[in-house]
Structure formats: C-alpha cells, structure tokens
C-alpha cells in the first residue's frame, strides 16, 4: 500500500479476472514480499525502495 512497486503489482494482479480475486491477490503480494525479505536476509542488504507513497496526514 505504501510502496509503489507493491501497489502497482497489487493493482495489476487485482485486475486479472479470477475466482476469489481478493484472496488470490493478497497471497501473490505476500509471496512477493516473502521472496524479497528472503533475498535481503541472504545477501545481508537493507531494503531501499525506489519511491514510497506518502499518506496525507
């Protein structure tokens, strides 16, 4: 929701016609996040997003 890469991925997958689309898109986005965290831990790097969506207060 706050990271532009994940927000775009979520929107792209949500647009796909599928049964149980909401649950499917959440599972796919979570899987993407887990793969990212796994990579960051294996390579001992910090996550540096290209752009972050800022919420208006």
PDB file of N, CA and C in Angstrom:
ATOM      1  N   UNK A   1       0.822  -1.187   0.000  1.00  0.00           N
ATOM      2  CA  UNK A   1       0.000   0.000   0.000  1.00  0.00           C
ATOM      3  C   UNK A   1       0.873   1.261   0.000  1.00  0.00           C
ATOM      4  N   UNK A   2       1.999   1.228   0.702  1.00  0.00           N
ATOM      5  CA  UNK A   2       2.853   2.414   0.800  1.00  0.00           C
ATOM      6  C   UNK A   2       4.042   2.351  -0.154  1.00  0.00           C
ATOM      7  N   UNK A   3       4.368   1.174  -0.614  1.00  0.00           N
ATOM      8  CA  UNK A   3       5.481   1.007  -1.540  1.00  0.00           C
ATOM      9  C   UNK A   3       4.919   0.957  -2.962  1.00  0.00           C
ATOM     10  N   UNK A   4       5.446   1.778  -3.836  1.00  0.00           N
ATOM     11  CA  UNK A   4       4.878   1.897  -5.182  1.00  0.00           C
ATOM     12  C   UNK A   4       5.001   0.602  -5.981  1.00  0.00           C
ATOM     13  N   UNK A   5       6.088  -0.140  -5.801  1.00  0.00           N
ATOM     14  CA  UNK A   5       6.263  -1.393  -6.542  1.00  0.00           C
ATOM     15  C   UNK A   5       5.210  -2.409  -6.133  1.00  0.00           C
ATOM     16  N   UNK A   6       4.951  -2.525  -4.842  1.00  0.00           N
ATOM     17  CA  UNK A   6       3.944  -3.471  -4.364  1.00  0.00           C
ATOM     18  C   UNK A   6       2.535  -2.991  -4.692  1.00  0.00           C
ATOM     19  N   UNK A   7       2.307  -1.686  -4.662  1.00  0.00           N
ATOM     20  CA  UNK A   7       0.990  -1.142  -5.008  1.00  0.00           C
ATOM     21  C   UNK A   7       0.669  -1.393  -6.476  1.00  0.00           C
ATOM     22  N   UNK A   8       1.647  -1.217  -7.342  1.00  0.00           N
ATOM     23  CA  UNK A   8       1.438  -1.481  -8.765  1.00  0.00           C
ATOM     24  C   UNK A   8       1.212  -2.962  -9.020  1.00  0.00           C
ATOM     25  N   UNK A   9       1.980  -3.814  -8.359  1.00  0.00           N
ATOM     26  CA  UNK A   9       1.824  -5.261  -8.510  1.00  0.00           C
ATOM     27  C   UNK A   9       0.431  -5.697  -8.046  1.00  0.00           C
ATOM     28  N   UNK A  10       0.002  -5.155  -6.909  1.00  0.00           N
ATOM     29  CA  UNK A  10      -1.314  -5.476  -6.360  1.00  0.00           C
ATOM     30  C   UNK A  10      -2.414  -5.065  -7.341  1.00  0.00           C
ATOM     31  N   UNK A  11      -2.314  -3.866  -7.882  1.00  0.00           N
ATOM     32  CA  UNK A  11      -3.320  -3.371  -8.825  1.00  0.00           C
ATOM     33  C   UNK A  11      -3.352  -4.204 -10.097  1.00  0.00           C
ATOM     34  N   UNK A  12      -2.185  -4.581 -10.593  1.00  0.00           N
ATOM     35  CA  UNK A  12      -2.091  -5.380 -11.803  1.00  0.00           C
ATOM     36  C   UNK A  12      -2.748  -6.749 -11.612  1.00  0.00           C
ATOM     37  N   UNK A  13      -2.446  -7.390 -10.501  1.00  0.00           N
ATOM     38  CA  UNK A  13      -3.000  -8.722 -10.245  1.00  0.00           C
ATOM     39  C   UNK A  13      -4.485  -8.666  -9.906  1.00  0.00           C
ATOM     40  N   UNK A  14      -4.917  -7.595  -9.274  1.00  0.00           N
ATOM     41  CA  UNK A  14      -6.331  -7.460  -8.923  1.00  0.00           C
ATOM     42  C   UNK A  14      -7.188  -7.293 -10.177  1.00  0.00           C
ATOM     43  N   UNK A  15      -6.623  -6.721 -11.226  1.00  0.00           N
ATOM     44  CA  UNK A  15      -7.358  -6.512 -12.477  1.00  0.00           C
ATOM     45  C   UNK A  15      -7.578  -7.818 -13.239  1.00  0.00           C
ATOM     46  N   UNK A  16      -6.778  -8.832 -12.950  1.00  0.00           N
ATOM     47  CA  UNK A  16      -6.955 -10.126 -13.615  1.00  0.00           C
ATOM     48  C   UNK A  16      -8.283 -10.746 -13.209  1.00  0.00           C
ATOM     49  N   UNK A  17      -9.055 -11.232 -14.170  1.00  0.00           N
ATOM     50  CA  UNK A  17     -10.306 -11.902 -13.813  1.00  0.00           C
ATOM     51  C   UNK A  17      -9.994 -13.286 -13.235  1.00  0.00           C
ATOM     52  N   UNK A  18     -10.376 -13.489 -12.024  1.00  0.00           N
ATOM     53  CA  UNK A  18     -10.131 -14.773 -11.373  1.00  0.00           C
ATOM     54  C   UNK A  18     -11.151 -14.977 -10.265  1.00  0.00           C
ATOM     55  N   UNK A  19     -11.397 -16.230  -9.973  1.00  0.00           N
ATOM     56  CA  UNK A  19     -12.273 -16.565  -8.855  1.00  0.00           C
ATOM     57  C   UNK A  19     -11.516 -16.249  -7.568  1.00  0.00           C
ATOM     58  N   UNK A  20     -12.202 -15.669  -6.617  1.00  0.00           N
ATOM     59  CA  UNK A  20     -11.586 -15.270  -5.340  1.00  0.00           C
ATOM     60  C   UNK A  20     -10.414 -14.321  -5.569  1.00  0.00           C
ATOM     61  N   UNK A  21     -10.616 -13.317  -6.394  1.00  0.00           N
ATOM     62  CA  UNK A  21      -9.539 -12.413  -6.797  1.00  0.00           C
ATOM     63  C   UNK A  21      -8.888 -11.709  -5.606  1.00  0.00           C
ATOM     64  N   UNK A  22      -9.674 -11.280  -4.633  1.00  0.00           N
ATOM     65  CA  UNK A  22      -9.116 -10.544  -3.494  1.00  0.00           C
ATOM     66  C   UNK A  22      -8.146 -11.413  -2.688  1.00  0.00           C
ATOM     67  N   UNK A  23      -8.560 -12.648  -2.399  1.00  0.00           N
ATOM     68  CA  UNK A  23      -7.685 -13.547  -1.639  1.00  0.00           C
ATOM     69  C   UNK A  23      -6.456 -13.935  -2.459  1.00  0.00           C
ATOM     70  N   UNK A  24      -6.653 -14.136  -3.753  1.00  0.00           N
ATOM     71  CA  UNK A  24      -5.550 -14.514  -4.627  1.00  0.00           C
ATOM     72  C   UNK A  24      -4.511 -13.406  -4.697  1.00  0.00           C
ATOM     73  N   UNK A  25      -4.962 -12.175  -4.874  1.00  0.00           N
ATOM     74  CA  UNK A  25      -4.017 -11.062  -4.994  1.00  0.00           C
ATOM     75  C   UNK A  25      -3.274 -10.830  -3.682  1.00  0.00           C
ATOM     76  N   UNK A  26      -3.919 -11.034  -2.562  1.00  0.00           N
ATOM     77  CA  UNK A  26      -3.231 -10.902  -1.273  1.00  0.00           C
ATOM     78  C   UNK A  26      -2.155 -11.971  -1.124  1.00  0.00           C
ATOM     79  N   UNK A  27      -2.464 -13.200  -1.524  1.00  0.00           N
ATOM     80  CA  UNK A  27      -1.492 -14.290  -1.433  1.00  0.00           C
ATOM     81  C   UNK A  27      -0.304 -14.040  -2.361  1.00  0.00           C
ATOM     82  N   UNK A  28      -0.564 -13.569  -3.580  1.00  0.00           N
ATOM     83  CA  UNK A  28       0.523 -13.304  -4.525  1.00  0.00           C
ATOM     84  C   UNK A  28       1.417 -12.162  -4.045  1.00  0.00           C
ATOM     85  N   UNK A  29       0.812 -11.127  -3.498  1.00  0.00           N
ATOM     86  CA  UNK A  29       1.592  -9.994  -2.993  1.00  0.00           C
ATOM     87  C   UNK A  29       2.413 -10.399  -1.768  1.00  0.00           C
ATOM     88  N   UNK A  30       1.825 -11.205  -0.901  1.00  0.00           N
ATOM     89  CA  UNK A  30       2.550 -11.691   0.277  1.00  0.00           C
ATOM     90  C   UNK A  30       3.730 -12.567  -0.144  1.00  0.00           C
ATOM     91  N   UNK A  31       3.520 -13.395  -1.165  1.00  0.00           N
ATOM     92  CA  UNK A  31       4.602 -14.248  -1.661  1.00  0.00           C
ATOM     93  C   UNK A  31       5.747 -13.396  -2.206  1.00  0.00           C
ATOM     94  N   UNK A  32       5.403 -12.333  -2.915  1.00  0.00           N
ATOM     95  CA  UNK A  32       6.422 -11.413  -3.452  1.00  0.00           C
ATOM     96  C   UNK A  32       7.214 -10.780  -2.307  1.00  0.00           C
ATOM     97  N   UNK A  33       6.524 -10.382  -1.255  1.00  0.00           N
ATOM     98  CA  UNK A  33       7.185  -9.784  -0.097  1.00  0.00           C
ATOM     99  C   UNK A  33       8.106 -10.787   0.591  1.00  0.00           C
ATOM    100  N   UNK A  34       7.661 -12.023   0.735  1.00  0.00           N
ATOM    101  CA  UNK A  34       8.471 -13.063   1.382  1.00  0.00           C
ATOM    102  C   UNK A  34       9.741 -13.328   0.569  1.00  0.00           C
ATOM    103  N   UNK A  35       9.609 -13.381  -0.760  1.00  0.00           N
ATOM    104  CA  UNK A  35      10.790 -13.579  -1.597  1.00  0.00           C
ATOM    105  C   UNK A  35      11.771 -12.423  -1.440  1.00  0.00           C
ATOM    106  N   UNK A  36      11.247 -11.211  -1.351  1.00  0.00           N
ATOM    107  CA  UNK A  36      12.112 -10.041  -1.168  1.00  0.00           C
ATOM    108  C   UNK A  36      12.834 -10.106   0.174  1.00  0.00           C
ATOM    109  N   UNK A  37      12.112 -10.404   1.228  1.00  0.00           N
ATOM    110  CA  UNK A  37      12.720 -10.485   2.565  1.00  0.00           C
ATOM    111  C   UNK A  37      13.772 -11.590   2.598  1.00  0.00           C
ATOM    112  N   UNK A  38      13.475 -12.732   1.981  1.00  0.00           N
ATOM    113  CA  UNK A  38      14.427 -13.832   1.928  1.00  0.00           C
ATOM    114  C   UNK A  38      15.714 -13.399   1.233  1.00  0.00           C
ATOM    115  N   UNK A  39      15.573 -12.721   0.103  1.00  0.00           N
ATOM    116  CA  UNK A  39      16.747 -12.229  -0.640  1.00  0.00           C
ATOM    117  C   UNK A  39      17.553 -11.243   0.207  1.00  0.00           C
ATOM    118  N   UNK A  40      16.867 -10.326   0.863  1.00  0.00           N
ATOM    119  CA  UNK A  40      17.566  -9.324   1.677  1.00  0.00           C
ATOM    120  C   UNK A  40      18.321  -9.964   2.833  1.00  0.00           C
ATOM    121  N   UNK A  41      17.725 -10.981   3.442  1.00  0.00           N
ATOM    122  CA  UNK A  41      18.401 -11.662   4.544  1.00  0.00           C
ATOM    123  C   UNK A  41      19.603 -12.471   4.051  1.00  0.00           C
ATOM    124  N   UNK A  42      19.457 -13.142   2.909  1.00  0.00           N
ATOM    125  CA  UNK A  42      20.567 -13.939   2.382  1.00  0.00           C
ATOM    126  C   UNK A  42      21.741 -13.080   1.952  1.00  0.00           C
ATOM    127  N   UNK A  43      21.468 -11.902   1.410  1.00  0.00           N
ATOM    128  CA  UNK A  43      22.542 -11.036   0.915  1.00  0.00           C
ATOM    129  C   UNK A  43      22.968  -9.980   1.925  1.00  0.00           C
ATOM    130  N   UNK A  44      22.313  -9.950   3.077  1.00  0.00           N
ATOM    131  CA  UNK A  44      22.625  -9.012   4.150  1.00  0.00           C
ATOM    132  C   UNK A  44      22.552  -7.563   3.661  1.00  0.00           C
ATOM    133  N   UNK A  45      21.440  -7.223   3.005  1.00  0.00           N
ATOM    134  CA  UNK A  45      21.222  -5.873   2.488  1.00  0.00           C
ATOM    135  C   UNK A  45      20.021  -5.234   3.162  1.00  0.00           C
ATOM    136  N   UNK A  46      19.951  -3.918   3.047  1.00  0.00           N
ATOM    137  CA  UNK A  46      18.789  -3.181   3.511  1.00  0.00           C
ATOM    138  C   UNK A  46      17.872  -2.919   2.322  1.00  0.00           C
ATOM    139  N   UNK A  47      16.582  -2.844   2.593  1.00  0.00           N
ATOM    140  CA  UNK A  47      15.624  -2.563   1.538  1.00  0.00           C
ATOM    141  C   UNK A  47      15.606  -1.071   1.261  1.00  0.00           C
ATOM    142  N   UNK A  48      15.827  -0.721   0.018  1.00  0.00           N
ATOM    143  CA  UNK A  48      15.809   0.670  -0.391  1.00  0.00           C
ATOM    144  C   UNK A  48      14.793   0.821  -1.519  1.00  0.00           C
ATOM    145  N   UNK A  49      13.567   1.200  -1.187  1.00  0.00           N
ATOM    146  CA  UNK A  49      12.549   1.334  -2.237  1.00  0.00           C
ATOM    147  C   UNK A  49      12.872   2.487  -3.164  1.00  0.00           C
ATOM    148  N   UNK A  50      12.449   2.345  -4.424  1.00  0.00           N
ATOM    149  CA  UNK A  50      12.683   3.407  -5.397  1.00  0.00           C
ATOM    150  C   UNK A  50      11.862   4.631  -5.035  1.00  0.00           C
ATOM    151  N   UNK A  51      10.626   4.396  -4.644  1.00  0.00           N
ATOM    152  CA  UNK A  51       9.730   5.502  -4.304  1.00  0.00           C
ATOM    153  C   UNK A  51       8.709   4.995  -3.304  1.00  0.00           C
ATOM    154  N   UNK A  52       8.373   5.803  -2.344  1.00  0.00           N
ATOM    155  CA  UNK A  52       7.398   5.450  -1.325  1.00  0.00           C
ATOM    156  C   UNK A  52       6.207   6.382  -1.429  1.00  0.00           C
ATOM    157  N   UNK A  53       5.020   5.828  -1.356  1.00  0.00           N
ATOM    158  CA  UNK A  53       3.793   6.631  -1.393  1.00  0.00           C
ATOM    159  C   UNK A  53       3.588   7.205   0.006  1.00  0.00           C
ATOM    160  N   UNK A  54       3.506   8.496   0.083  1.00  0.00           N
ATOM    161  CA  UNK A  54       3.305   9.165   1.374  1.00  0.00           C
ATOM    162  C   UNK A  54       1.813   9.395   1.610  1.00  0.00           C
ATOM    163  N   UNK A  55       1.374   9.104   2.815  1.00  0.00           N
ATOM    164  CA  UNK A  55      -0.022   9.366   3.182  1.00  0.00           C
ATOM    165  C   UNK A  55      -0.163  10.810   3.629  1.00  0.00           C
ATOM    166  N   UNK A  56      -1.274  11.421   3.270  1.00  0.00           N
ATOM    167  CA  UNK A  56      -1.543  12.778   3.720  1.00  0.00           C
ATOM    168  C   UNK A  56      -2.110  12.729   5.118  1.00  0.00           C
ATOM    169  N   UNK A  57      -1.539  13.491   6.012  1.00  0.00           N
ATOM    170  CA  UNK A  57      -1.969  13.480   7.405  1.00  0.00           C
ATOM    171  C   UNK A  57      -3.144  14.377   7.642  1.00  0.00           C
TER     172      UNK A  57
END
